[in-house]
């Protein structure tokens, strides 16, 4: 995922995030109504290596590490108002707490990737 780039933040707009399903009003409010700061935090989340680590933990069936990573990502996504992503990560947390079977964990990981990639690929319409 690498270093944050100006290109990513240039593509992020409140309108695009709203179309994604984000509650930008709540996210910006949590950022003291500082929209550039809010967009910067989303950029940081997009580049967060925890997504790669979560993928690896689930594939290796390290449920304890997967739970720690999922909780951290869910808190951040939720705080930023990124409902679609946060909801999928929260479902993964439940699966991990219940020690879900491999097929369920893999399916939920695909859902997280789907919403993560949609967020990452937001473009100006």
N, C-alpha and C. Protein backbone atom coordinates (compact mmCIF):
# COMPACT_ATOMS: atom_id res chain seq x y z
N UNK A 1 0.82 -1.17 0.00
CA UNK A 1 0.00 0.00 0.00
C UNK A 1 0.87 1.25 0.00
N UNK A 2 2.02 1.21 0.64
CA UNK A 2 3.00 2.26 0.51
C UNK A 2 2.67 3.58 1.16
N UNK A 3 3.47 4.58 0.78
CA UNK A 3 3.33 5.92 1.32
C UNK A 3 2.09 6.62 0.77
N UNK A 4 1.46 7.49 1.56
CA UNK A 4 0.34 8.28 1.06
C UNK A 4 0.80 9.15 -0.11
N UNK A 5 -0.09 9.33 -1.06
CA UNK A 5 0.25 10.16 -2.20
C UNK A 5 -0.76 11.27 -2.34
N UNK A 6 -0.32 12.38 -2.95
CA UNK A 6 -1.23 13.50 -3.19
C UNK A 6 -2.32 13.09 -4.16
N UNK A 7 -2.03 12.15 -5.07
CA UNK A 7 -3.02 11.72 -6.04
C UNK A 7 -4.26 11.16 -5.35
N UNK A 8 -4.07 10.38 -4.30
CA UNK A 8 -5.20 9.77 -3.62
C UNK A 8 -6.08 10.84 -3.00
N UNK A 9 -5.48 11.78 -2.29
CA UNK A 9 -6.31 12.78 -1.63
C UNK A 9 -6.99 13.68 -2.66
N UNK A 10 -6.35 13.91 -3.82
CA UNK A 10 -6.98 14.71 -4.86
C UNK A 10 -8.23 14.03 -5.39
N UNK A 11 -8.28 12.70 -5.36
CA UNK A 11 -9.43 11.96 -5.86
C UNK A 11 -10.56 11.93 -4.83
N UNK A 12 -10.22 12.03 -3.58
CA UNK A 12 -11.22 11.95 -2.53
C UNK A 12 -12.02 13.24 -2.48
N UNK A 13 -13.31 13.10 -2.55
CA UNK A 13 -14.19 14.25 -2.37
C UNK A 13 -15.30 13.83 -1.43
N UNK A 14 -15.89 14.81 -0.80
CA UNK A 14 -17.01 14.53 0.10
C UNK A 14 -18.15 13.89 -0.71
N UNK A 15 -18.38 14.38 -1.91
CA UNK A 15 -19.45 13.84 -2.74
C UNK A 15 -19.20 12.37 -3.08
N UNK A 16 -17.97 12.05 -3.44
CA UNK A 16 -17.64 10.66 -3.77
C UNK A 16 -17.76 9.77 -2.54
N UNK A 17 -17.35 10.27 -1.40
CA UNK A 17 -17.47 9.49 -0.17
C UNK A 17 -18.94 9.29 0.21
N UNK A 18 -19.76 10.31 0.01
CA UNK A 18 -21.20 10.15 0.26
C UNK A 18 -21.79 9.10 -0.67
N UNK A 19 -21.38 9.11 -1.93
CA UNK A 19 -21.87 8.11 -2.89
C UNK A 19 -21.42 6.70 -2.48
N UNK A 20 -20.29 6.59 -1.86
CA UNK A 20 -19.76 5.32 -1.35
C UNK A 20 -20.64 4.80 -0.20
N UNK A 21 -21.29 5.73 0.49
CA UNK A 21 -22.13 5.36 1.62
C UNK A 21 -21.61 5.87 2.95
N UNK A 22 -20.59 6.72 2.88
CA UNK A 22 -20.02 7.25 4.11
C UNK A 22 -20.93 8.30 4.73
N UNK A 23 -20.86 8.38 6.03
CA UNK A 23 -21.54 9.44 6.77
C UNK A 23 -20.49 10.53 7.00
N UNK A 24 -20.24 11.31 5.95
CA UNK A 24 -19.18 12.31 6.02
C UNK A 24 -19.47 13.41 7.04
N UNK A 25 -20.73 13.73 7.20
CA UNK A 25 -21.08 14.78 8.17
C UNK A 25 -20.58 14.40 9.56
N UNK A 26 -20.85 13.16 9.98
CA UNK A 26 -20.41 12.71 11.30
C UNK A 26 -18.88 12.60 11.36
N UNK A 27 -18.28 12.11 10.29
CA UNK A 27 -16.82 11.98 10.27
C UNK A 27 -16.13 13.32 10.36
N UNK A 28 -16.61 14.29 9.61
CA UNK A 28 -16.01 15.62 9.64
C UNK A 28 -16.23 16.26 11.01
N UNK A 29 -17.39 16.06 11.58
CA UNK A 29 -17.66 16.61 12.92
C UNK A 29 -16.66 16.07 13.93
N UNK A 30 -16.31 14.78 13.82
CA UNK A 30 -15.32 14.19 14.73
C UNK A 30 -13.93 14.77 14.51
N UNK A 31 -13.74 15.39 13.35
CA UNK A 31 -12.45 16.01 13.01
C UNK A 31 -12.50 17.52 13.19
N UNK A 32 -13.31 17.97 14.12
CA UNK A 32 -13.44 19.39 14.45
C UNK A 32 -13.81 20.22 13.23
N UNK A 33 -14.66 19.62 12.36
CA UNK A 33 -15.15 20.27 11.15
C UNK A 33 -14.03 20.70 10.20
N UNK A 34 -12.93 20.00 10.24
CA UNK A 34 -11.78 20.28 9.37
C UNK A 34 -11.77 19.26 8.23
N UNK A 35 -12.39 19.64 7.12
CA UNK A 35 -12.54 18.72 5.98
C UNK A 35 -11.20 18.21 5.43
N UNK A 36 -10.19 19.08 5.21
CA UNK A 36 -8.90 18.55 4.72
C UNK A 36 -8.27 17.54 5.69
N UNK A 37 -8.42 17.79 6.99
CA UNK A 37 -7.91 16.85 7.99
C UNK A 37 -8.64 15.52 7.87
N UNK A 38 -9.96 15.58 7.74
CA UNK A 38 -10.80 14.39 7.57
C UNK A 38 -10.34 13.59 6.35
N UNK A 39 -10.18 14.26 5.21
CA UNK A 39 -9.75 13.57 3.99
C UNK A 39 -8.36 12.98 4.16
N UNK A 40 -7.50 13.67 4.90
CA UNK A 40 -6.17 13.14 5.17
C UNK A 40 -6.22 11.88 6.01
N UNK A 41 -7.13 11.84 6.98
CA UNK A 41 -7.27 10.63 7.79
C UNK A 41 -7.79 9.46 6.96
N UNK A 42 -8.68 9.74 6.02
CA UNK A 42 -9.16 8.67 5.15
C UNK A 42 -8.01 8.16 4.28
N UNK A 43 -7.20 9.08 3.78
CA UNK A 43 -6.03 8.67 3.00
C UNK A 43 -5.12 7.78 3.83
N UNK A 44 -4.91 8.15 5.09
CA UNK A 44 -4.07 7.33 5.97
C UNK A 44 -4.67 5.94 6.15
N UNK A 45 -5.99 5.87 6.30
CA UNK A 45 -6.65 4.57 6.44
C UNK A 45 -6.47 3.74 5.17
N UNK A 46 -6.63 4.37 4.02
CA UNK A 46 -6.47 3.66 2.75
C UNK A 46 -5.07 3.04 2.66
N UNK A 47 -4.08 3.73 3.19
CA UNK A 47 -2.70 3.25 3.13
C UNK A 47 -2.27 2.46 4.36
N UNK A 48 -3.20 2.14 5.24
CA UNK A 48 -2.88 1.43 6.48
C UNK A 48 -2.52 -0.02 6.19
N UNK A 49 -1.36 -0.42 6.64
CA UNK A 49 -0.89 -1.79 6.43
C UNK A 49 -1.69 -2.83 7.20
N UNK A 50 -2.52 -2.37 8.13
CA UNK A 50 -3.33 -3.33 8.89
C UNK A 50 -4.25 -4.15 7.99
N UNK A 51 -4.66 -3.59 6.85
CA UNK A 51 -5.48 -4.37 5.92
C UNK A 51 -4.70 -5.57 5.39
N UNK A 52 -3.43 -5.37 5.04
CA UNK A 52 -2.60 -6.48 4.58
C UNK A 52 -2.36 -7.48 5.70
N UNK A 53 -2.12 -6.97 6.90
CA UNK A 53 -1.89 -7.85 8.04
C UNK A 53 -3.14 -8.66 8.39
N UNK A 54 -4.31 -8.03 8.27
CA UNK A 54 -5.56 -8.74 8.52
C UNK A 54 -5.74 -9.86 7.50
N UNK A 55 -5.48 -9.55 6.25
CA UNK A 55 -5.57 -10.55 5.19
C UNK A 55 -4.67 -11.75 5.52
N UNK A 56 -3.45 -11.46 5.89
CA UNK A 56 -2.49 -12.51 6.21
C UNK A 56 -2.93 -13.31 7.44
N UNK A 57 -3.40 -12.61 8.47
CA UNK A 57 -3.83 -13.30 9.70
C UNK A 57 -5.00 -14.24 9.43
N UNK A 58 -5.96 -13.79 8.62
CA UNK A 58 -7.11 -14.65 8.32
C UNK A 58 -6.68 -15.85 7.49
N UNK A 59 -5.84 -15.62 6.50
CA UNK A 59 -5.37 -16.73 5.65
C UNK A 59 -4.56 -17.74 6.45
N UNK A 60 -3.84 -17.26 7.47
CA UNK A 60 -3.04 -18.16 8.31
C UNK A 60 -3.83 -18.69 9.49
N UNK A 61 -5.09 -18.28 9.60
CA UNK A 61 -5.99 -18.68 10.68
C UNK A 61 -5.47 -18.30 12.06
N UNK A 62 -4.82 -17.14 12.09
CA UNK A 62 -4.38 -16.57 13.36
C UNK A 62 -5.53 -15.68 13.83
N UNK A 63 -6.52 -16.30 14.46
CA UNK A 63 -7.75 -15.62 14.83
C UNK A 63 -7.53 -14.52 15.87
N UNK A 64 -6.62 -14.75 16.78
CA UNK A 64 -6.35 -13.74 17.81
C UNK A 64 -5.79 -12.46 17.18
N UNK A 65 -4.81 -12.60 16.31
CA UNK A 65 -4.24 -11.43 15.65
C UNK A 65 -5.27 -10.81 14.71
N UNK A 66 -6.04 -11.63 14.03
CA UNK A 66 -7.09 -11.11 13.16
C UNK A 66 -8.09 -10.26 13.93
N UNK A 67 -8.44 -10.70 15.12
CA UNK A 67 -9.39 -9.96 15.95
C UNK A 67 -8.80 -8.61 16.39
N UNK A 68 -7.55 -8.60 16.78
CA UNK A 68 -6.90 -7.35 17.18
C UNK A 68 -6.89 -6.36 16.02
N UNK A 69 -6.49 -6.84 14.85
CA UNK A 69 -6.42 -5.97 13.67
C UNK A 69 -7.81 -5.49 13.24
N UNK A 70 -8.76 -6.39 13.23
CA UNK A 70 -10.12 -6.03 12.82
C UNK A 70 -10.71 -4.98 13.76
N UNK A 71 -10.47 -5.12 15.05
CA UNK A 71 -10.99 -4.14 16.01
C UNK A 71 -10.38 -2.76 15.76
N UNK A 72 -9.09 -2.72 15.50
CA UNK A 72 -8.43 -1.43 15.24
C UNK A 72 -8.97 -0.79 13.97
N UNK A 73 -9.12 -1.58 12.91
CA UNK A 73 -9.63 -1.04 11.64
C UNK A 73 -11.08 -0.63 11.76
N UNK A 74 -11.88 -1.40 12.47
CA UNK A 74 -13.30 -1.07 12.62
C UNK A 74 -13.48 0.25 13.36
N UNK A 75 -12.70 0.45 14.39
CA UNK A 75 -12.79 1.69 15.17
C UNK A 75 -12.47 2.89 14.28
N UNK A 76 -11.42 2.80 13.50
CA UNK A 76 -11.04 3.91 12.63
C UNK A 76 -12.09 4.14 11.56
N UNK A 77 -12.51 3.08 10.87
CA UNK A 77 -13.50 3.23 9.80
C UNK A 77 -14.81 3.79 10.34
N UNK A 78 -15.21 3.33 11.49
CA UNK A 78 -16.45 3.80 12.10
C UNK A 78 -16.33 5.27 12.50
N UNK A 79 -15.22 5.65 13.09
CA UNK A 79 -15.01 7.04 13.50
C UNK A 79 -15.02 7.99 12.32
N UNK A 80 -14.57 7.51 11.17
CA UNK A 80 -14.54 8.35 9.96
C UNK A 80 -15.87 8.30 9.20
N UNK A 81 -16.83 7.55 9.71
CA UNK A 81 -18.14 7.48 9.08
C UNK A 81 -18.17 6.61 7.84
N UNK A 82 -17.21 5.72 7.69
CA UNK A 82 -17.13 4.84 6.52
C UNK A 82 -17.97 3.59 6.77
N UNK A 83 -19.28 3.78 6.79
CA UNK A 83 -20.22 2.72 7.18
C UNK A 83 -20.05 1.42 6.41
N UNK A 84 -20.00 1.45 5.08
CA UNK A 84 -19.92 0.16 4.37
C UNK A 84 -18.71 -0.68 4.79
N UNK A 85 -17.57 -0.04 4.91
CA UNK A 85 -16.36 -0.75 5.32
C UNK A 85 -16.45 -1.17 6.79
N UNK A 86 -16.88 -0.25 7.63
CA UNK A 86 -16.98 -0.55 9.07
C UNK A 86 -17.93 -1.71 9.33
N UNK A 87 -19.06 -1.74 8.64
CA UNK A 87 -20.03 -2.82 8.84
C UNK A 87 -19.44 -4.18 8.50
N UNK A 88 -18.68 -4.25 7.43
CA UNK A 88 -18.07 -5.53 7.04
C UNK A 88 -16.99 -5.95 8.01
N UNK A 89 -16.21 -5.00 8.49
CA UNK A 89 -15.18 -5.34 9.48
C UNK A 89 -15.83 -5.79 10.79
N UNK A 90 -16.93 -5.14 11.16
CA UNK A 90 -17.63 -5.55 12.39
C UNK A 90 -18.19 -6.97 12.25
N UNK A 91 -18.64 -7.34 11.07
CA UNK A 91 -19.09 -8.73 10.85
C UNK A 91 -17.92 -9.69 11.00
N UNK A 92 -16.73 -9.27 10.53
CA UNK A 92 -15.54 -10.11 10.68
C UNK A 92 -15.21 -10.27 12.15
N UNK A 93 -15.35 -9.21 12.92
CA UNK A 93 -15.08 -9.29 14.36
C UNK A 93 -15.98 -10.33 15.00
N UNK A 94 -17.26 -10.31 14.66
CA UNK A 94 -18.19 -11.29 15.20
C UNK A 94 -17.78 -12.71 14.80
N UNK A 95 -17.43 -12.90 13.54
CA UNK A 95 -16.98 -14.22 13.08
C UNK A 95 -15.76 -14.68 13.86
N UNK A 96 -14.83 -13.76 14.09
CA UNK A 96 -13.61 -14.11 14.82
C UNK A 96 -13.91 -14.42 16.29
N UNK A 97 -14.80 -13.65 16.89
CA UNK A 97 -15.16 -13.90 18.29
C UNK A 97 -15.83 -15.26 18.45
N UNK A 98 -16.60 -15.66 17.43
CA UNK A 98 -17.30 -16.94 17.47
C UNK A 98 -16.44 -18.08 16.93
N UNK A 99 -15.19 -17.74 16.60
CA UNK A 99 -14.26 -18.73 16.03
C UNK A 99 -14.89 -19.39 14.79
N UNK A 100 -15.39 -18.53 13.89
CA UNK A 100 -16.07 -18.99 12.68
C UNK A 100 -15.25 -19.94 11.84
N UNK A 101 -15.95 -20.72 11.02
CA UNK A 101 -15.24 -21.67 10.17
C UNK A 101 -14.53 -20.94 9.04
N UNK A 102 -13.63 -21.64 8.41
CA UNK A 102 -12.77 -21.06 7.38
C UNK A 102 -13.55 -20.44 6.24
N UNK A 103 -14.60 -21.11 5.78
CA UNK A 103 -15.37 -20.60 4.65
C UNK A 103 -16.03 -19.26 4.99
N UNK A 104 -16.55 -19.14 6.19
CA UNK A 104 -17.20 -17.90 6.62
C UNK A 104 -16.16 -16.78 6.73
N UNK A 105 -15.01 -17.08 7.33
CA UNK A 105 -13.95 -16.08 7.46
C UNK A 105 -13.47 -15.61 6.09
N UNK A 106 -13.28 -16.55 5.17
CA UNK A 106 -12.83 -16.19 3.82
C UNK A 106 -13.86 -15.33 3.10
N UNK A 107 -15.13 -15.68 3.26
CA UNK A 107 -16.20 -14.90 2.62
C UNK A 107 -16.23 -13.49 3.18
N UNK A 108 -16.09 -13.36 4.48
CA UNK A 108 -16.13 -12.04 5.09
C UNK A 108 -14.90 -11.23 4.71
N UNK A 109 -13.76 -11.87 4.58
CA UNK A 109 -12.55 -11.19 4.14
C UNK A 109 -12.74 -10.62 2.73
N UNK A 110 -13.42 -11.36 1.88
CA UNK A 110 -13.71 -10.88 0.52
C UNK A 110 -14.59 -9.64 0.56
N UNK A 111 -15.55 -9.62 1.48
CA UNK A 111 -16.43 -8.44 1.61
C UNK A 111 -15.64 -7.21 2.07
N UNK A 112 -14.74 -7.42 3.01
CA UNK A 112 -13.90 -6.31 3.47
C UNK A 112 -13.06 -5.79 2.32
N UNK A 113 -12.45 -6.70 1.57
CA UNK A 113 -11.62 -6.29 0.43
C UNK A 113 -12.45 -5.52 -0.59
N UNK A 114 -13.66 -5.98 -0.85
CA UNK A 114 -14.54 -5.31 -1.81
C UNK A 114 -14.75 -3.85 -1.42
N UNK A 115 -15.14 -3.61 -0.17
CA UNK A 115 -15.43 -2.25 0.27
C UNK A 115 -14.16 -1.43 0.45
N UNK A 116 -13.06 -2.07 0.82
CA UNK A 116 -11.78 -1.37 0.90
C UNK A 116 -11.36 -0.91 -0.49
N UNK A 117 -11.46 -1.80 -1.48
CA UNK A 117 -11.05 -1.44 -2.84
C UNK A 117 -11.96 -0.36 -3.43
N UNK A 118 -13.25 -0.42 -3.13
CA UNK A 118 -14.15 0.64 -3.60
C UNK A 118 -13.74 1.99 -3.01
N UNK A 119 -13.36 2.00 -1.75
CA UNK A 119 -12.90 3.23 -1.11
C UNK A 119 -11.59 3.70 -1.76
N UNK A 120 -10.68 2.79 -1.96
CA UNK A 120 -9.39 3.13 -2.52
C UNK A 120 -9.52 3.67 -3.95
N UNK A 121 -10.49 3.15 -4.66
CA UNK A 121 -10.62 3.50 -6.08
C UNK A 121 -11.57 4.66 -6.34
N UNK A 122 -12.01 5.34 -5.29
CA UNK A 122 -12.90 6.48 -5.51
C UNK A 122 -12.23 7.47 -6.45
N UNK A 123 -12.99 7.92 -7.40
CA UNK A 123 -12.47 8.86 -8.39
C UNK A 123 -13.45 10.02 -8.53
N UNK A 124 -12.98 11.13 -9.00
CA UNK A 124 -13.85 12.27 -9.24
C UNK A 124 -14.76 11.96 -10.42
N UNK A 125 -16.08 12.13 -10.21
CA UNK A 125 -17.04 11.82 -11.27
C UNK A 125 -17.01 12.86 -12.37
